[in-house]
């Protein structure tokens, strides 16, 4: 790592008084990044499933004020539309 640090300091015009960075910081950053990524993925999946469930519930909502107006053919059309 020392040769890489020397080359980097020369290319970026970093003063000689600058200390060499520790390698473990990169490992901690990668670990934290991976944790955040997995948390965001889990929250995204949960949100997606919740939105899909709410959508299906809205599609299948029955008008309880007049339950006899819904015909079976209308429910079949709804099902075919959802499957499409």
C-alpha atoms as a PDB file:
ATOM      1  CA  UNK A   1       0.000   0.000   0.000  1.00  0.00           C
ATOM      2  CA  UNK A   2       2.928   2.320   0.649  1.00  0.00           C
ATOM      3  CA  UNK A   3       3.943   2.413  -3.050  1.00  0.00           C
ATOM      4  CA  UNK A   4       0.359   3.154  -4.072  1.00  0.00           C
ATOM      5  CA  UNK A   5       0.133   5.929  -1.483  1.00  0.00           C
ATOM      6  CA  UNK A   6       3.372   7.493  -2.706  1.00  0.00           C
ATOM      7  CA  UNK A   7       2.191   7.426  -6.316  1.00  0.00           C
ATOM      8  CA  UNK A   8      -1.170   8.890  -5.320  1.00  0.00           C
ATOM      9  CA  UNK A   9       0.492  11.695  -3.349  1.00  0.00           C
ATOM     10  CA  UNK A  10       2.678  12.576  -6.322  1.00  0.00           C
ATOM     11  CA  UNK A  11      -0.185  12.564  -8.816  1.00  0.00           C
ATOM     12  CA  UNK A  12      -2.578  14.549  -6.651  1.00  0.00           C
ATOM     13  CA  UNK A  13       0.097  16.918  -5.291  1.00  0.00           C
ATOM     14  CA  UNK A  14      -0.622  15.941  -1.704  1.00  0.00           C
ATOM     15  CA  UNK A  15       1.944  17.363   0.762  1.00  0.00           C
ATOM     16  CA  UNK A  16       4.477  15.009   2.363  1.00  0.00           C
ATOM     17  CA  UNK A  17       3.077  15.825   5.802  1.00  0.00           C
ATOM     18  CA  UNK A  18      -0.170  13.973   4.964  1.00  0.00           C
ATOM     19  CA  UNK A  19      -0.420  10.604   6.670  1.00  0.00           C
ATOM     20  CA  UNK A  20      -1.287   7.378   4.877  1.00  0.00           C
ATOM     21  CA  UNK A  21      -4.956   6.403   5.275  1.00  0.00           C
ATOM     22  CA  UNK A  22      -5.821   3.236   7.148  1.00  0.00           C
ATOM     23  CA  UNK A  23      -7.140   0.287   5.143  1.00  0.00           C
ATOM     24  CA  UNK A  24      -9.757  -0.678   7.741  1.00  0.00           C
ATOM     25  CA  UNK A  25     -11.716   2.512   7.079  1.00  0.00           C
ATOM     26  CA  UNK A  26     -12.509   1.251   3.600  1.00  0.00           C
ATOM     27  CA  UNK A  27     -13.700  -2.054   5.030  1.00  0.00           C
ATOM     28  CA  UNK A  28     -15.967  -0.265   7.515  1.00  0.00           C
ATOM     29  CA  UNK A  29     -17.355   1.945   4.758  1.00  0.00           C
ATOM     30  CA  UNK A  30     -18.098  -1.048   2.549  1.00  0.00           C
ATOM     31  CA  UNK A  31     -19.759  -2.883   5.422  1.00  0.00           C
ATOM     32  CA  UNK A  32     -21.910   0.130   6.302  1.00  0.00           C
ATOM     33  CA  UNK A  33     -22.797   0.597   2.632  1.00  0.00           C
ATOM     34  CA  UNK A  34     -23.846  -3.044   2.368  1.00  0.00           C
ATOM     35  CA  UNK A  35     -25.989  -2.757   5.515  1.00  0.00           C
ATOM     36  CA  UNK A  36     -27.731   0.365   4.200  1.00  0.00           C
ATOM     37  CA  UNK A  37     -28.281  -1.266   0.806  1.00  0.00           C
ATOM     38  CA  UNK A  38     -29.859  -4.365   2.352  1.00  0.00           C
ATOM     39  CA  UNK A  39     -32.060  -2.224   4.621  1.00  0.00           C
ATOM     40  CA  UNK A  40     -33.247  -0.108   1.696  1.00  0.00           C
ATOM     41  CA  UNK A  41     -33.919  -3.229  -0.382  1.00  0.00           C
ATOM     42  CA  UNK A  42     -35.995  -4.734   2.429  1.00  0.00           C
ATOM     43  CA  UNK A  43     -37.998  -1.530   2.869  1.00  0.00           C
ATOM     44  CA  UNK A  44     -38.543  -1.251  -0.870  1.00  0.00           C
ATOM     45  CA  UNK A  45     -39.815  -4.829  -1.099  1.00  0.00           C
ATOM     46  CA  UNK A  46     -42.137  -4.285   1.864  1.00  0.00           C
ATOM     47  CA  UNK A  47     -43.501  -1.091   0.307  1.00  0.00           C
ATOM     48  CA  UNK A  48     -43.998  -2.821  -3.058  1.00  0.00           C
ATOM     49  CA  UNK A  49     -45.943  -5.723  -1.525  1.00  0.00           C
ATOM     50  CA  UNK A  50     -48.037  -3.380   0.596  1.00  0.00           C
ATOM     51  CA  UNK A  51     -48.926  -1.224  -2.417  1.00  0.00           C
ATOM     52  CA  UNK A  52     -49.827  -4.301  -4.469  1.00  0.00           C
ATOM     53  CA  UNK A  53     -52.033  -5.657  -1.684  1.00  0.00           C
ATOM     54  CA  UNK A  54     -53.831  -2.318  -1.312  1.00  0.00           C
ATOM     55  CA  UNK A  55     -54.329  -2.159  -5.082  1.00  0.00           C
ATOM     56  CA  UNK A  56     -55.942  -5.599  -5.150  1.00  0.00           C
ATOM     57  CA  UNK A  57     -58.157  -4.684  -2.198  1.00  0.00           C
ATOM     58  CA  UNK A  58     -59.323  -1.547  -3.998  1.00  0.00           C
ATOM     59  CA  UNK A  59     -60.013  -3.530  -7.162  1.00  0.00           C
ATOM     60  CA  UNK A  60     -62.094  -6.097  -5.327  1.00  0.00           C
ATOM     61  CA  UNK A  61     -63.951  -3.599  -3.125  1.00  0.00           C
ATOM     62  CA  UNK A  62     -67.652  -4.247  -3.065  1.00  0.00           C
ATOM     63  CA  UNK A  63     -70.259  -1.551  -2.878  1.00  0.00           C
ATOM     64  CA  UNK A  64     -72.014  -2.593   0.334  1.00  0.00           C
ATOM     65  CA  UNK A  65     -74.820  -0.087  -0.186  1.00  0.00           C
ATOM     66  CA  UNK A  66     -76.125  -2.041  -3.165  1.00  0.00           C
ATOM     67  CA  UNK A  67     -74.655  -5.571  -3.158  1.00  0.00           C
ATOM     68  CA  UNK A  68     -77.082  -7.053  -5.670  1.00  0.00           C
ATOM     69  CA  UNK A  69     -76.055  -4.847  -8.594  1.00  0.00           C
ATOM     70  CA  UNK A  70     -72.703  -6.581  -9.064  1.00  0.00           C
ATOM     71  CA  UNK A  71     -73.011  -9.404 -11.530  1.00  0.00           C
ATOM     72  CA  UNK A  72     -70.751 -12.430 -11.694  1.00  0.00           C
ATOM     73  CA  UNK A  73     -69.672 -11.513 -15.206  1.00  0.00           C
ATOM     74  CA  UNK A  74     -68.410  -8.147 -13.887  1.00  0.00           C
ATOM     75  CA  UNK A  75     -66.288  -9.937 -11.286  1.00  0.00           C
ATOM     76  CA  UNK A  76     -64.912 -12.204 -13.991  1.00  0.00           C
ATOM     77  CA  UNK A  77     -64.018  -9.164 -16.109  1.00  0.00           C
ATOM     78  CA  UNK A  78     -62.233  -7.654 -13.084  1.00  0.00           C
ATOM     79  CA  UNK A  79     -60.285 -10.874 -12.579  1.00  0.00           C
ATOM     80  CA  UNK A  80     -59.260 -11.044 -16.230  1.00  0.00           C
ATOM     81  CA  UNK A  81     -58.216  -7.384 -16.163  1.00  0.00           C
ATOM     82  CA  UNK A  82     -56.072  -7.977 -13.087  1.00  0.00           C
ATOM     83  CA  UNK A  83     -54.474 -11.036 -14.634  1.00  0.00           C
ATOM     84  CA  UNK A  84     -53.644  -9.096 -17.776  1.00  0.00           C
END
